[in-house]
Amino acid sequence: MSKPRIAVLFDAENTACTSAPLVFRHLETLGTVQSACAVGDFTILAPWIDCARMHGIDLVMQPSLGKGKNSADIRLAIEAMDLAHRGCIDALALVTSDRDFTPLAFRLREAGVAVHGFSQNEPSPAFRAACTSFNLLQQATPEMPALLSLSERQRLRKIVSSVCKNGDVDHVMLGQAVRAAAPELATRLKGKFLKTLIAHGLVQRIGSGSQQKLRRAG
């Protein structure tokens, strides 16, 4: 019996790019991944570009159409239904922290497509129930960077921009700024602070050893 054919859709605006290897690792146990794409406005989601290159993910660019608009969500739903309509897959992995995709999951299952949900946050009961299976993404080892939502990345980007506006800084100064402005986030990133900022394309290292500094990325 052939393995189920799986397509993967990443909601890039609500999912950290560091989730990709965790998702692919799990899907290896369920079938064969035939395609993978991430949907979002990649002018503000730069870390996804390197991630896509590394993991063979197609980027579906969907610019924002205005404040409060959900154009990326609509585009992702279109991509999902196109896949289902073509009949080229048996299952779809939906990677998102957005509960608004609950109706999409129900519709895909009605079309005979199994839905494997993935989220880095605890989902709404409705979204979990709508999926054929559901997996909460968690860091497997202490060495892995933390997963950040879009709002968390935006919050950290503002802090980094403020601290680094006059030049490069050391990690201690940046850490103090994060603890002061976002103490709950600083607590969650404890032990993974620098690794996480680098993985999400928020800072880059300049120099080495005792002379090492951090510079705002991009």
Protein backbone atom coordinates (compact mmCIF):
# COMPACT_ATOMS: atom_id res chain seq x y z
CA MET A 1 0.00 0.00 0.00
CA SER A 2 1.38 3.41 -0.98
CA LYS A 3 1.89 6.05 1.67
CA PRO A 4 -0.63 8.92 1.93
CA ARG A 5 0.31 11.96 -0.18
CA ILE A 6 0.58 15.06 2.01
CA ALA A 7 0.72 18.77 1.15
CA VAL A 8 1.82 21.30 3.78
CA LEU A 9 0.51 24.85 4.13
CA PHE A 10 2.24 27.21 6.56
CA ASP A 11 0.39 30.30 7.76
CA ALA A 12 3.62 32.32 7.79
CA GLU A 13 2.03 35.34 9.46
CA ASN A 14 1.02 33.31 12.50
CA THR A 15 3.72 30.64 12.59
CA ALA A 16 7.47 30.92 13.20
CA CYS A 17 9.73 29.58 10.47
CA THR A 18 11.51 27.45 13.09
CA SER A 19 8.40 25.24 13.15
CA ALA A 20 9.21 23.78 9.71
CA PRO A 21 11.66 21.00 10.73
CA LEU A 22 9.35 19.92 13.56
CA VAL A 23 6.42 19.64 11.17
CA PHE A 24 8.35 17.73 8.51
CA ARG A 25 9.80 15.36 11.10
CA HIS A 26 6.33 14.43 12.31
CA LEU A 27 4.86 14.09 8.83
CA GLU A 28 7.54 11.57 7.89
CA THR A 29 5.68 9.12 10.14
CA LEU A 30 2.34 9.76 8.41
CA GLY A 31 3.13 9.66 4.71
CA THR A 32 5.02 11.35 1.89
CA VAL A 33 5.21 15.14 1.70
CA GLN A 34 4.60 16.04 -1.95
CA SER A 35 4.57 19.81 -1.63
CA ALA A 36 4.97 22.55 0.94
CA CYS A 37 4.31 26.26 0.76
CA ALA A 38 4.11 29.19 3.14
CA VAL A 39 1.68 32.07 2.61
CA GLY A 40 2.27 35.62 3.81
CA ASP A 41 3.78 39.03 3.15
CA PHE A 42 7.48 38.17 3.01
CA THR A 43 8.59 41.77 2.87
CA ILE A 44 8.06 41.69 6.66
CA LEU A 45 8.72 37.97 7.18
CA ALA A 46 12.35 37.81 6.08
CA PRO A 47 13.36 34.77 8.21
CA TRP A 48 11.01 32.62 6.12
CA ILE A 49 13.11 33.23 3.00
CA ASP A 50 16.17 31.34 4.26
CA CYS A 51 13.94 28.72 5.88
CA ALA A 52 12.15 28.10 2.58
CA ARG A 53 15.45 27.68 0.77
CA MET A 54 16.68 25.23 3.39
CA HIS A 55 13.56 23.05 3.56
CA GLY A 56 12.22 23.23 0.01
CA ILE A 57 9.18 25.37 0.82
CA ASP A 58 7.52 27.47 -1.88
CA LEU A 59 6.72 31.01 -0.79
CA VAL A 60 3.32 32.32 -1.84
CA MET A 61 3.60 36.08 -1.59
CA GLN A 62 0.42 37.80 -0.46
CA PRO A 63 0.93 41.50 0.33
CA SER A 64 -1.26 43.03 2.98
CA LEU A 65 -4.24 44.86 1.49
CA GLY A 66 -4.70 47.18 4.43
CA LYS A 67 -4.85 47.30 8.21
CA GLY A 68 -7.12 44.65 9.66
CA LYS A 69 -7.43 42.77 6.36
CA ASN A 70 -6.94 39.01 6.26
CA SER A 71 -5.75 38.66 2.67
CA ALA A 72 -3.10 36.07 3.59
CA ASP A 73 -5.73 33.90 5.31
CA ILE A 74 -7.96 34.02 2.25
CA ARG A 75 -5.04 33.16 -0.04
CA LEU A 76 -4.12 30.18 2.13
CA ALA A 77 -7.71 28.92 1.98
CA ILE A 78 -7.66 29.25 -1.82
CA GLU A 79 -4.39 27.27 -2.01
CA ALA A 80 -5.89 24.55 0.20
CA MET A 81 -9.06 24.18 -1.84
CA ASP A 82 -7.09 24.17 -5.11
CA LEU A 83 -5.07 21.23 -3.81
CA ALA A 84 -8.21 19.40 -2.75
CA HIS A 85 -9.93 20.08 -6.08
CA ARG A 86 -7.00 18.74 -8.11
CA GLY A 87 -7.23 15.44 -6.25
CA CYS A 88 -3.47 15.13 -6.00
CA ILE A 89 -3.28 14.71 -2.21
CA ASP A 90 -4.72 12.47 0.48
CA ALA A 91 -3.98 14.78 3.40
CA LEU A 92 -3.12 18.37 4.13
CA ALA A 93 -1.02 19.64 7.03
CA LEU A 94 -2.33 23.02 8.17
CA VAL A 95 0.27 24.86 10.26
CA THR A 96 -1.31 27.87 11.96
CA SER A 97 -2.16 29.46 15.28
CA ASP A 98 -5.28 31.06 13.80
CA ARG A 99 -8.58 29.46 14.88
CA ASP A 100 -10.32 31.12 11.92
CA PHE A 101 -9.24 28.17 9.78
CA THR A 102 -11.73 25.87 11.53
CA PRO A 103 -14.27 26.08 8.65
CA LEU A 104 -11.50 25.31 6.15
CA ALA A 105 -10.53 22.16 8.07
CA PHE A 106 -14.16 20.98 8.09
CA ARG A 107 -14.54 21.66 4.36
CA LEU A 108 -11.37 19.78 3.46
CA ARG A 109 -12.51 16.76 5.43
CA GLU A 110 -15.88 16.88 3.67
CA ALA A 111 -13.91 16.69 0.41
CA GLY A 112 -12.18 13.53 1.61
CA VAL A 113 -8.89 15.16 2.56
CA ALA A 114 -7.46 14.35 6.00
CA VAL A 115 -6.34 17.45 7.91
CA HIS A 116 -3.32 17.32 10.22
CA GLY A 117 -3.34 20.48 12.32
CA PHE A 118 -0.19 21.98 13.82
CA SER A 119 0.03 24.98 16.14
CA GLN A 120 2.66 26.48 18.41
CA ASN A 121 -0.07 27.68 20.80
CA GLU A 122 -2.92 25.77 22.40
CA PRO A 123 -5.68 25.93 19.76
CA SER A 124 -9.36 26.57 20.21
CA PRO A 125 -11.34 23.38 20.92
CA ALA A 126 -13.22 23.96 17.65
CA PHE A 127 -10.06 23.96 15.50
CA ARG A 128 -8.66 20.89 17.25
CA ALA A 129 -11.97 19.05 16.73
CA ALA A 130 -12.09 20.06 13.05
CA CYS A 131 -8.75 18.39 12.33
CA THR A 132 -8.27 14.68 11.68
CA SER A 133 -5.26 14.87 13.98
CA PHE A 134 -3.66 17.70 15.89
CA ASN A 135 -0.11 18.36 17.10
CA LEU A 136 1.06 21.07 19.48
CA LEU A 137 4.49 22.22 18.33
CA GLN A 138 7.00 22.35 21.14
CA GLN A 139 10.74 22.67 21.21
CA ALA A 140 12.20 19.18 21.30
CA THR A 141 15.51 20.12 22.91
CA PRO A 142 16.96 23.03 24.92
CA GLU A 143 19.33 23.73 22.01
CA MET A 144 16.53 24.66 19.63
CA PRO A 145 15.38 28.30 19.36
CA ALA A 146 11.98 29.20 20.72
CA LEU A 147 9.01 29.52 18.38
CA LEU A 148 7.66 33.06 18.15
CA SER A 149 4.29 34.24 16.91
CA LEU A 150 4.04 37.17 14.51
CA SER A 151 3.00 39.52 17.34
CA GLU A 152 5.96 38.38 19.47
CA ARG A 153 8.37 38.94 16.59
CA GLN A 154 6.96 42.40 15.99
CA ARG A 155 7.26 43.23 19.68
CA LEU A 156 10.88 42.09 19.82
CA ARG A 157 11.70 43.89 16.58
CA LYS A 158 10.54 47.18 18.11
CA ILE A 159 12.68 46.60 21.19
CA VAL A 160 15.74 45.69 19.11
CA SER A 161 15.25 48.76 16.90
CA SER A 162 15.02 51.02 19.93
CA VAL A 163 18.09 49.61 21.68
CA CYS A 164 20.23 49.42 18.52
CA LYS A 165 19.24 52.76 17.01
CA ASN A 166 22.60 54.31 17.95
CA GLY A 167 24.75 51.37 16.95
CA ASP A 168 25.76 47.85 17.97
CA VAL A 169 25.13 46.67 21.54
CA ASP A 170 26.11 43.73 23.72
CA HIS A 171 23.65 40.95 24.53
CA VAL A 172 23.44 42.01 28.19
CA MET A 173 22.07 45.44 27.29
CA LEU A 174 19.57 43.96 24.86
CA GLY A 175 18.50 41.34 27.38
CA GLN A 176 17.87 44.02 30.00
CA ALA A 177 15.73 45.96 27.53
CA VAL A 178 13.61 42.90 26.73
CA ARG A 179 13.15 42.07 30.42
CA ALA A 180 12.01 45.63 31.10
CA ALA A 181 9.63 45.90 28.14
CA ALA A 182 8.35 42.32 27.89
CA PRO A 183 9.13 40.42 31.13
CA GLU A 184 6.85 37.47 30.33
CA LEU A 185 8.52 37.00 26.95
CA ALA A 186 11.99 37.31 28.47
CA THR A 187 11.09 34.55 30.94
CA ARG A 188 9.96 32.24 28.14
CA LEU A 189 13.17 32.87 26.19
CA LYS A 190 15.46 32.24 29.15
CA GLY A 191 18.41 30.16 27.99
CA LYS A 192 17.42 30.60 24.32
CA PHE A 193 17.41 34.37 24.09
CA LEU A 194 20.25 35.03 21.65
CA LYS A 195 19.68 31.85 19.62
CA THR A 196 16.01 32.78 19.15
CA LEU A 197 16.69 36.38 18.09
CA ILE A 198 19.22 35.18 15.50
CA ALA A 199 16.99 32.34 14.22
CA HIS A 200 14.12 34.76 13.63
CA GLY A 201 16.33 37.25 11.79
CA LEU A 202 16.06 39.98 14.41
CA VAL A 203 19.77 40.45 15.15
CA GLN A 204 23.13 39.36 13.80
CA ARG A 205 26.43 38.81 15.57
CA ILE A 206 29.27 41.24 14.91
CA GLY A 207 32.76 40.25 16.04
CA SER A 208 33.59 37.39 18.39
CA GLY A 209 34.61 36.59 21.94
CA SER A 210 34.60 39.48 24.39
CA GLN A 211 34.32 41.91 21.46
CA GLN A 212 31.13 40.39 20.14
CA LYS A 213 28.22 42.79 19.61
CA LEU A 214 24.70 42.51 18.28
CA ARG A 215 23.39 44.48 15.34
CA ARG A 216 19.82 44.91 14.21
CA ALA A 217 19.25 42.60 11.24
CA GLY A 218 17.75 43.93 8.04
